[in-house]
Amino acid sequence: MVRDVICRMPDQEWIVDDMRSLSLHRKFDGVLAWDSFFHLKPDDRRRMFDIFTAHAAPSAYLMFNAGPAHGEAIGYYRGDSLYHASLDAAEYEASLAQSGFGLVAHAVEDWETGGGRTVWGSLDHSANRGTLLYWCTVACAGVILR
């Protein structure tokens, strides 16, 4: 999967690493954890807010998707079992606030724009544009888009 996407976007910087311990010593104007963050166990999810903060420039956007409520589930993708977990909404809100992110948008099981995903959008202070750190699969790959 990583090889395919690198071929499709060869001009981007790709990093294959475990998102739970990522330390790039760089700041980004956007941090996106899409279809990746929800594969982490609850304690790993809680620790990710420190990693989001460490990589977020002032005025950075943070966007991630999660489950609609606290819990764990096993789904299936292409015949393989796939772990999913989520914290509850109050814990996400508290983690965002502790990390310095203000909640901009939250949609639960949004079929119109999120493909049924529960989406969280946050902003650190004010709007800014620039580089984006994007985790596309758990513990697997990140891309830096310019």
N, C-alpha and C. Protein backbone atom coordinates (compact mmCIF):
# COMPACT_ATOMS: atom_id res chain seq x y z
N MET A 1 0.82 -1.18 0.00
CA MET A 1 0.00 0.00 0.00
C MET A 1 0.88 1.26 0.00
N VAL A 2 1.91 1.30 0.82
CA VAL A 2 2.79 2.46 0.88
C VAL A 2 3.48 2.67 -0.46
N ARG A 3 3.95 1.59 -1.04
CA ARG A 3 4.65 1.67 -2.33
C ARG A 3 3.73 2.27 -3.40
N ASP A 4 2.45 1.87 -3.40
CA ASP A 4 1.50 2.38 -4.38
C ASP A 4 1.31 3.88 -4.26
N VAL A 5 1.15 4.35 -3.05
CA VAL A 5 0.89 5.78 -2.86
C VAL A 5 2.16 6.61 -3.14
N ILE A 6 3.32 6.08 -2.84
CA ILE A 6 4.57 6.79 -3.18
C ILE A 6 4.68 6.95 -4.69
N CYS A 7 4.30 5.93 -5.42
CA CYS A 7 4.33 6.01 -6.88
C CYS A 7 3.35 7.06 -7.40
N ARG A 8 2.22 7.20 -6.73
CA ARG A 8 1.21 8.19 -7.15
C ARG A 8 1.60 9.61 -6.79
N MET A 9 2.41 9.78 -5.74
CA MET A 9 2.78 11.12 -5.27
C MET A 9 4.29 11.16 -5.02
N PRO A 10 5.10 11.01 -6.06
CA PRO A 10 6.55 10.88 -5.87
C PRO A 10 7.24 12.16 -5.42
N ASP A 11 6.61 13.30 -5.58
CA ASP A 11 7.25 14.57 -5.22
C ASP A 11 7.10 14.93 -3.75
N GLN A 12 6.39 14.09 -2.98
CA GLN A 12 6.21 14.36 -1.56
C GLN A 12 7.26 13.62 -0.75
N GLU A 13 7.49 14.07 0.45
CA GLU A 13 8.41 13.40 1.37
C GLU A 13 7.63 12.36 2.15
N TRP A 14 8.03 11.09 2.06
CA TRP A 14 7.35 9.99 2.75
C TRP A 14 8.21 9.45 3.86
N ILE A 15 7.60 9.19 4.99
CA ILE A 15 8.30 8.66 6.16
C ILE A 15 7.52 7.44 6.63
N VAL A 16 8.16 6.31 6.72
CA VAL A 16 7.52 5.10 7.23
C VAL A 16 8.03 4.90 8.65
N ASP A 17 7.09 5.00 9.61
CA ASP A 17 7.47 4.95 11.02
C ASP A 17 6.23 4.66 11.86
N ASP A 18 6.42 4.44 13.11
CA ASP A 18 5.34 4.22 14.05
C ASP A 18 4.87 5.57 14.58
N MET A 19 3.64 5.94 14.31
CA MET A 19 3.14 7.25 14.70
C MET A 19 3.15 7.44 16.22
N ARG A 20 3.11 6.36 16.97
CA ARG A 20 3.06 6.46 18.43
C ARG A 20 4.36 6.96 19.03
N SER A 21 5.44 6.91 18.28
CA SER A 21 6.74 7.37 18.80
C SER A 21 7.42 8.36 17.85
N LEU A 22 6.67 8.91 16.93
CA LEU A 22 7.22 9.81 15.93
C LEU A 22 7.78 11.08 16.58
N SER A 23 8.99 11.45 16.16
CA SER A 23 9.63 12.66 16.65
C SER A 23 10.48 13.23 15.53
N LEU A 24 9.87 14.07 14.71
CA LEU A 24 10.55 14.61 13.53
C LEU A 24 11.35 15.89 13.82
N HIS A 25 11.15 16.48 14.99
CA HIS A 25 11.82 17.73 15.35
C HIS A 25 11.54 18.81 14.30
N ARG A 26 10.28 18.80 13.81
CA ARG A 26 9.80 19.80 12.86
C ARG A 26 8.36 20.15 13.22
N LYS A 27 7.96 21.32 12.82
CA LYS A 27 6.59 21.78 13.07
C LYS A 27 5.86 21.91 11.74
N PHE A 28 4.56 21.65 11.77
CA PHE A 28 3.74 21.66 10.56
C PHE A 28 2.53 22.54 10.76
N ASP A 29 2.03 23.11 9.67
CA ASP A 29 0.85 23.97 9.72
C ASP A 29 -0.45 23.16 9.78
N GLY A 30 -0.34 21.89 9.52
CA GLY A 30 -1.49 21.00 9.61
C GLY A 30 -1.05 19.61 10.03
N VAL A 31 -1.84 18.98 10.88
CA VAL A 31 -1.59 17.59 11.31
C VAL A 31 -2.89 16.84 11.06
N LEU A 32 -2.81 15.81 10.22
CA LEU A 32 -3.98 15.04 9.83
C LEU A 32 -3.75 13.57 10.14
N ALA A 33 -4.59 13.00 10.98
CA ALA A 33 -4.52 11.56 11.29
C ALA A 33 -5.83 10.95 10.81
N TRP A 34 -5.84 10.53 9.57
CA TRP A 34 -7.06 10.07 8.91
C TRP A 34 -7.00 8.57 8.69
N ASP A 35 -7.99 7.87 9.17
CA ASP A 35 -8.05 6.42 9.05
C ASP A 35 -6.78 5.76 9.60
N SER A 36 -6.23 6.34 10.64
CA SER A 36 -5.02 5.79 11.27
C SER A 36 -5.16 5.80 12.78
N PHE A 37 -5.48 6.95 13.32
CA PHE A 37 -5.59 7.17 14.76
C PHE A 37 -6.57 6.20 15.42
N PHE A 38 -7.65 5.84 14.72
CA PHE A 38 -8.66 4.99 15.34
C PHE A 38 -8.25 3.52 15.44
N HIS A 39 -7.08 3.16 14.93
CA HIS A 39 -6.58 1.80 15.08
C HIS A 39 -5.72 1.64 16.34
N LEU A 40 -5.50 2.73 17.05
CA LEU A 40 -4.68 2.68 18.26
C LEU A 40 -5.51 2.29 19.48
N LYS A 41 -4.88 1.61 20.41
CA LYS A 41 -5.54 1.28 21.68
C LYS A 41 -5.77 2.58 22.46
N PRO A 42 -6.74 2.63 23.35
CA PRO A 42 -7.08 3.87 24.06
C PRO A 42 -5.89 4.57 24.72
N ASP A 43 -5.01 3.87 25.41
CA ASP A 43 -3.87 4.54 26.05
C ASP A 43 -2.93 5.16 25.02
N ASP A 44 -2.74 4.49 23.88
CA ASP A 44 -1.92 5.06 22.81
C ASP A 44 -2.56 6.31 22.23
N ARG A 45 -3.88 6.30 22.12
CA ARG A 45 -4.61 7.48 21.61
C ARG A 45 -4.39 8.68 22.53
N ARG A 46 -4.47 8.43 23.82
CA ARG A 46 -4.28 9.53 24.78
C ARG A 46 -2.89 10.14 24.63
N ARG A 47 -1.88 9.30 24.46
CA ARG A 47 -0.50 9.80 24.32
C ARG A 47 -0.27 10.52 22.98
N MET A 48 -1.08 10.24 21.98
CA MET A 48 -0.90 10.87 20.68
C MET A 48 -1.08 12.38 20.71
N PHE A 49 -1.85 12.89 21.66
CA PHE A 49 -2.05 14.34 21.70
C PHE A 49 -0.73 15.07 21.99
N ASP A 50 0.17 14.47 22.75
CA ASP A 50 1.50 15.06 22.94
C ASP A 50 2.28 15.06 21.62
N ILE A 51 2.14 14.01 20.84
CA ILE A 51 2.84 13.93 19.55
C ILE A 51 2.23 14.93 18.56
N PHE A 52 0.90 15.05 18.54
CA PHE A 52 0.27 16.07 17.70
C PHE A 52 0.81 17.45 18.05
N THR A 53 0.84 17.76 19.34
CA THR A 53 1.31 19.06 19.81
C THR A 53 2.77 19.29 19.45
N ALA A 54 3.60 18.28 19.60
CA ALA A 54 5.03 18.41 19.30
C ALA A 54 5.28 18.73 17.83
N HIS A 55 4.35 18.35 16.96
CA HIS A 55 4.53 18.56 15.52
C HIS A 55 3.69 19.71 14.97
N ALA A 56 2.92 20.37 15.81
CA ALA A 56 2.03 21.44 15.37
C ALA A 56 2.67 22.81 15.56
N ALA A 57 2.76 23.55 14.47
CA ALA A 57 3.24 24.93 14.54
C ALA A 57 2.15 25.79 15.17
N PRO A 58 2.51 26.99 15.63
CA PRO A 58 1.46 27.91 16.08
C PRO A 58 0.45 28.11 14.95
N SER A 59 -0.80 28.14 15.25
CA SER A 59 -1.89 28.29 14.29
C SER A 59 -2.13 27.04 13.45
N ALA A 60 -1.62 25.90 13.86
CA ALA A 60 -1.79 24.67 13.08
C ALA A 60 -3.21 24.12 13.18
N TYR A 61 -3.63 23.48 12.11
CA TYR A 61 -4.85 22.71 12.10
C TYR A 61 -4.55 21.30 12.58
N LEU A 62 -5.47 20.70 13.29
CA LEU A 62 -5.41 19.28 13.64
C LEU A 62 -6.74 18.67 13.23
N MET A 63 -6.68 17.59 12.47
CA MET A 63 -7.90 16.90 12.06
C MET A 63 -7.67 15.40 12.17
N PHE A 64 -8.64 14.71 12.78
CA PHE A 64 -8.55 13.26 12.89
C PHE A 64 -9.96 12.68 12.88
N ASN A 65 -10.03 11.41 12.58
CA ASN A 65 -11.33 10.74 12.70
C ASN A 65 -11.22 9.66 13.76
N ALA A 66 -12.36 9.37 14.37
CA ALA A 66 -12.42 8.46 15.51
C ALA A 66 -13.75 7.74 15.48
N GLY A 67 -13.96 6.87 16.43
CA GLY A 67 -15.25 6.21 16.56
C GLY A 67 -16.28 7.16 17.15
N PRO A 68 -17.56 6.80 17.07
CA PRO A 68 -18.62 7.68 17.55
C PRO A 68 -18.77 7.71 19.07
N ALA A 69 -18.18 6.72 19.77
CA ALA A 69 -18.31 6.64 21.24
C ALA A 69 -17.16 5.81 21.78
N HIS A 70 -16.98 5.84 23.11
CA HIS A 70 -15.92 5.04 23.73
C HIS A 70 -16.16 3.56 23.48
N GLY A 71 -15.09 2.86 23.11
CA GLY A 71 -15.22 1.41 22.93
C GLY A 71 -14.18 0.86 21.98
N GLU A 72 -14.21 -0.45 21.83
CA GLU A 72 -13.32 -1.17 20.94
C GLU A 72 -14.17 -2.09 20.06
N ALA A 73 -13.72 -2.30 18.82
CA ALA A 73 -14.43 -3.18 17.90
C ALA A 73 -13.44 -3.80 16.93
N ILE A 74 -13.83 -4.91 16.37
CA ILE A 74 -13.05 -5.54 15.31
C ILE A 74 -13.88 -5.47 14.04
N GLY A 75 -13.30 -4.87 13.01
CA GLY A 75 -13.93 -4.83 11.70
C GLY A 75 -13.14 -5.72 10.75
N TYR A 76 -13.47 -5.65 9.49
CA TYR A 76 -12.78 -6.46 8.49
C TYR A 76 -12.48 -5.63 7.27
N TYR A 77 -11.29 -5.83 6.71
CA TYR A 77 -10.88 -5.14 5.49
C TYR A 77 -10.16 -6.15 4.61
N ARG A 78 -10.72 -6.37 3.43
CA ARG A 78 -10.14 -7.32 2.47
C ARG A 78 -9.87 -8.69 3.10
N GLY A 79 -10.80 -9.12 3.94
CA GLY A 79 -10.70 -10.44 4.54
C GLY A 79 -9.88 -10.52 5.82
N ASP A 80 -9.23 -9.44 6.21
CA ASP A 80 -8.42 -9.43 7.43
C ASP A 80 -9.15 -8.69 8.54
N SER A 81 -8.99 -9.17 9.78
CA SER A 81 -9.58 -8.46 10.91
C SER A 81 -8.81 -7.16 11.15
N LEU A 82 -9.54 -6.15 11.61
CA LEU A 82 -8.97 -4.81 11.77
C LEU A 82 -9.49 -4.20 13.06
N TYR A 83 -8.57 -3.90 13.99
CA TYR A 83 -8.91 -3.34 15.30
C TYR A 83 -9.28 -1.86 15.18
N HIS A 84 -10.32 -1.46 15.88
CA HIS A 84 -10.74 -0.06 15.98
C HIS A 84 -11.01 0.25 17.46
N ALA A 85 -10.73 1.48 17.85
CA ALA A 85 -11.06 1.91 19.22
C ALA A 85 -11.37 3.39 19.21
N SER A 86 -12.02 3.83 20.25
CA SER A 86 -12.30 5.26 20.39
C SER A 86 -12.40 5.62 21.86
N LEU A 87 -12.12 6.88 22.14
CA LEU A 87 -12.39 7.47 23.44
C LEU A 87 -13.78 8.10 23.35
N ASP A 88 -14.30 8.61 24.44
CA ASP A 88 -15.59 9.30 24.33
C ASP A 88 -15.36 10.77 23.98
N ALA A 89 -16.41 11.42 23.55
CA ALA A 89 -16.32 12.80 23.08
C ALA A 89 -15.77 13.75 24.14
N ALA A 90 -16.17 13.59 25.39
CA ALA A 90 -15.69 14.47 26.46
C ALA A 90 -14.18 14.34 26.64
N GLU A 91 -13.65 13.13 26.50
CA GLU A 91 -12.21 12.95 26.65
C GLU A 91 -11.45 13.57 25.48
N TYR A 92 -11.99 13.45 24.26
CA TYR A 92 -11.34 14.12 23.12
C TYR A 92 -11.34 15.63 23.31
N GLU A 93 -12.47 16.17 23.74
CA GLU A 93 -12.55 17.62 23.96
C GLU A 93 -11.54 18.06 25.01
N ALA A 94 -11.41 17.32 26.10
CA ALA A 94 -10.45 17.67 27.16
C ALA A 94 -9.02 17.55 26.64
N SER A 95 -8.73 16.51 25.88
CA SER A 95 -7.37 16.33 25.33
C SER A 95 -7.02 17.45 24.36
N LEU A 96 -7.96 17.85 23.53
CA LEU A 96 -7.72 18.96 22.61
C LEU A 96 -7.44 20.24 23.39
N ALA A 97 -8.25 20.53 24.38
CA ALA A 97 -8.06 21.75 25.18
C ALA A 97 -6.72 21.73 25.90
N GLN A 98 -6.36 20.59 26.51
CA GLN A 98 -5.06 20.48 27.20
C GLN A 98 -3.90 20.68 26.25
N SER A 99 -4.09 20.30 25.00
CA SER A 99 -3.02 20.40 23.99
C SER A 99 -2.98 21.77 23.33
N GLY A 100 -3.91 22.64 23.67
CA GLY A 100 -3.92 23.99 23.11
C GLY A 100 -4.70 24.12 21.81
N PHE A 101 -5.49 23.13 21.48
CA PHE A 101 -6.30 23.19 20.27
C PHE A 101 -7.73 23.54 20.62
N GLY A 102 -8.31 24.44 19.85
CA GLY A 102 -9.71 24.79 20.02
C GLY A 102 -10.55 23.97 19.06
N LEU A 103 -11.66 23.46 19.53
CA LEU A 103 -12.54 22.66 18.68
C LEU A 103 -13.25 23.55 17.68
N VAL A 104 -13.10 23.24 16.40
CA VAL A 104 -13.74 23.99 15.34
C VAL A 104 -14.95 23.24 14.81
N ALA A 105 -14.80 21.93 14.64
CA ALA A 105 -15.89 21.13 14.09
C ALA A 105 -15.83 19.71 14.63
N HIS A 106 -17.00 19.13 14.83
CA HIS A 106 -17.10 17.73 15.25
C HIS A 106 -18.37 17.18 14.62
N ALA A 107 -18.24 16.14 13.82
CA ALA A 107 -19.39 15.52 13.19
C ALA A 107 -19.37 14.02 13.52
N VAL A 108 -20.48 13.50 14.01
CA VAL A 108 -20.58 12.10 14.39
C VAL A 108 -21.21 11.31 13.24
N GLU A 109 -20.50 10.28 12.80
CA GLU A 109 -20.96 9.41 11.71
C GLU A 109 -21.52 10.23 10.55
N ASP A 110 -20.71 11.11 10.03
CA ASP A 110 -21.09 12.05 8.98
C ASP A 110 -21.07 11.37 7.60
N TRP A 111 -22.24 11.01 7.11
CA TRP A 111 -22.34 10.35 5.80
C TRP A 111 -22.27 11.33 4.64
N GLU A 112 -22.61 12.60 4.87
CA GLU A 112 -22.61 13.57 3.77
C GLU A 112 -21.20 13.97 3.35
N THR A 113 -20.32 14.22 4.29
CA THR A 113 -18.98 14.68 3.94
C THR A 113 -17.87 13.78 4.44
N GLY A 114 -18.14 12.92 5.41
CA GLY A 114 -17.08 12.12 6.00
C GLY A 114 -17.16 10.63 5.69
N GLY A 115 -18.06 10.22 4.80
CA GLY A 115 -18.17 8.81 4.48
C GLY A 115 -18.57 7.97 5.67
N GLY A 116 -19.36 8.55 6.60
CA GLY A 116 -19.80 7.84 7.79
C GLY A 116 -18.83 7.93 8.95
N ARG A 117 -17.77 8.71 8.79
CA ARG A 117 -16.75 8.83 9.83
C ARG A 117 -17.16 9.86 10.88
N THR A 118 -16.61 9.68 12.08
CA THR A 118 -16.75 10.69 13.11
C THR A 118 -15.48 11.54 13.04
N VAL A 119 -15.66 12.81 12.74
CA VAL A 119 -14.56 13.71 12.39
C VAL A 119 -14.40 14.80 13.45
N TRP A 120 -13.15 15.08 13.80
CA TRP A 120 -12.80 16.15 14.72
C TRP A 120 -11.90 17.13 13.98
N GLY A 121 -12.24 18.40 13.99
CA GLY A 121 -11.40 19.43 13.40
C GLY A 121 -11.07 20.46 14.45
N SER A 122 -9.79 20.78 14.58
CA SER A 122 -9.35 21.72 15.61
C SER A 122 -8.35 22.69 15.03
N LEU A 123 -8.16 23.76 15.74
CA LEU A 123 -7.26 24.81 15.29
C LEU A 123 -6.49 25.35 16.48
N ASP A 124 -5.20 25.50 16.31
CA ASP A 124 -4.37 26.11 17.34
C ASP A 124 -4.30 27.60 17.05
N HIS A 125 -5.10 28.36 17.69
CA HIS A 125 -5.17 29.82 17.60
C HIS A 125 -5.86 30.29 16.32
N SER A 126 -5.13 30.65 15.24
CA SER A 126 -5.76 31.23 14.06
C SER A 126 -5.35 30.48 12.79
N ALA A 127 -6.06 30.74 11.72
CA ALA A 127 -5.83 30.02 10.46
C ALA A 127 -4.45 30.29 9.88
N ASN A 128 -3.88 29.28 9.28
CA ASN A 128 -2.55 29.37 8.65
C ASN A 128 -2.48 28.30 7.58
N ARG A 129 -1.66 28.49 6.59
CA ARG A 129 -1.48 27.51 5.53
C ARG A 129 0.00 27.21 5.37
N GLY A 130 0.36 26.04 4.92
CA GLY A 130 1.75 25.69 4.71
C GLY A 130 1.92 24.19 4.58
N THR A 131 2.79 23.60 5.38
CA THR A 131 3.06 22.18 5.29
C THR A 131 2.09 21.38 6.14
N LEU A 132 1.87 20.14 5.73
CA LEU A 132 0.92 19.27 6.39
C LEU A 132 1.60 17.95 6.72
N LEU A 133 1.45 17.51 7.96
CA LEU A 133 1.89 16.18 8.36
C LEU A 133 0.66 15.30 8.37
N TYR A 134 0.69 14.23 7.57
CA TYR A 134 -0.48 13.38 7.37
C TYR A 134 -0.13 11.94 7.65
N TRP A 135 -0.81 11.34 8.64
CA TRP A 135 -0.64 9.91 8.91
C TRP A 135 -1.72 9.18 8.14
N CYS A 136 -1.31 8.29 7.27
CA CYS A 136 -2.33 7.62 6.44
C CYS A 136 -2.66 6.23 6.91
N THR A 137 -1.80 5.56 7.61
CA THR A 137 -2.16 4.28 8.22
C THR A 137 -1.42 4.17 9.55
N VAL A 138 -2.00 3.49 10.50
CA VAL A 138 -1.42 3.40 11.82
C VAL A 138 -0.05 2.74 11.76
N ALA A 139 0.88 3.31 12.50
CA ALA A 139 2.21 2.73 12.68
C ALA A 139 2.85 2.39 11.37
N CYS A 140 2.54 3.13 10.32
CA CYS A 140 3.06 2.74 9.02
C CYS A 140 3.70 3.89 8.27
N ALA A 141 2.96 4.89 7.90
CA ALA A 141 3.53 5.88 7.00
C ALA A 141 3.03 7.28 7.31
N GLY A 142 3.85 8.23 6.98
CA GLY A 142 3.46 9.62 7.06
C GLY A 142 3.95 10.32 5.82
N VAL A 143 3.29 11.36 5.43
CA VAL A 143 3.72 12.13 4.28
C VAL A 143 3.71 13.59 4.65
N ILE A 144 4.66 14.30 4.13
CA ILE A 144 4.72 15.74 4.35
C ILE A 144 4.36 16.40 3.02
N LEU A 145 3.22 17.06 3.00
CA LEU A 145 2.73 17.72 1.78
C LEU A 145 3.05 19.20 1.84
N ARG A 146 3.46 19.72 0.75
CA ARG A 146 3.74 21.16 0.67
C ARG A 146 2.74 21.85 -0.20
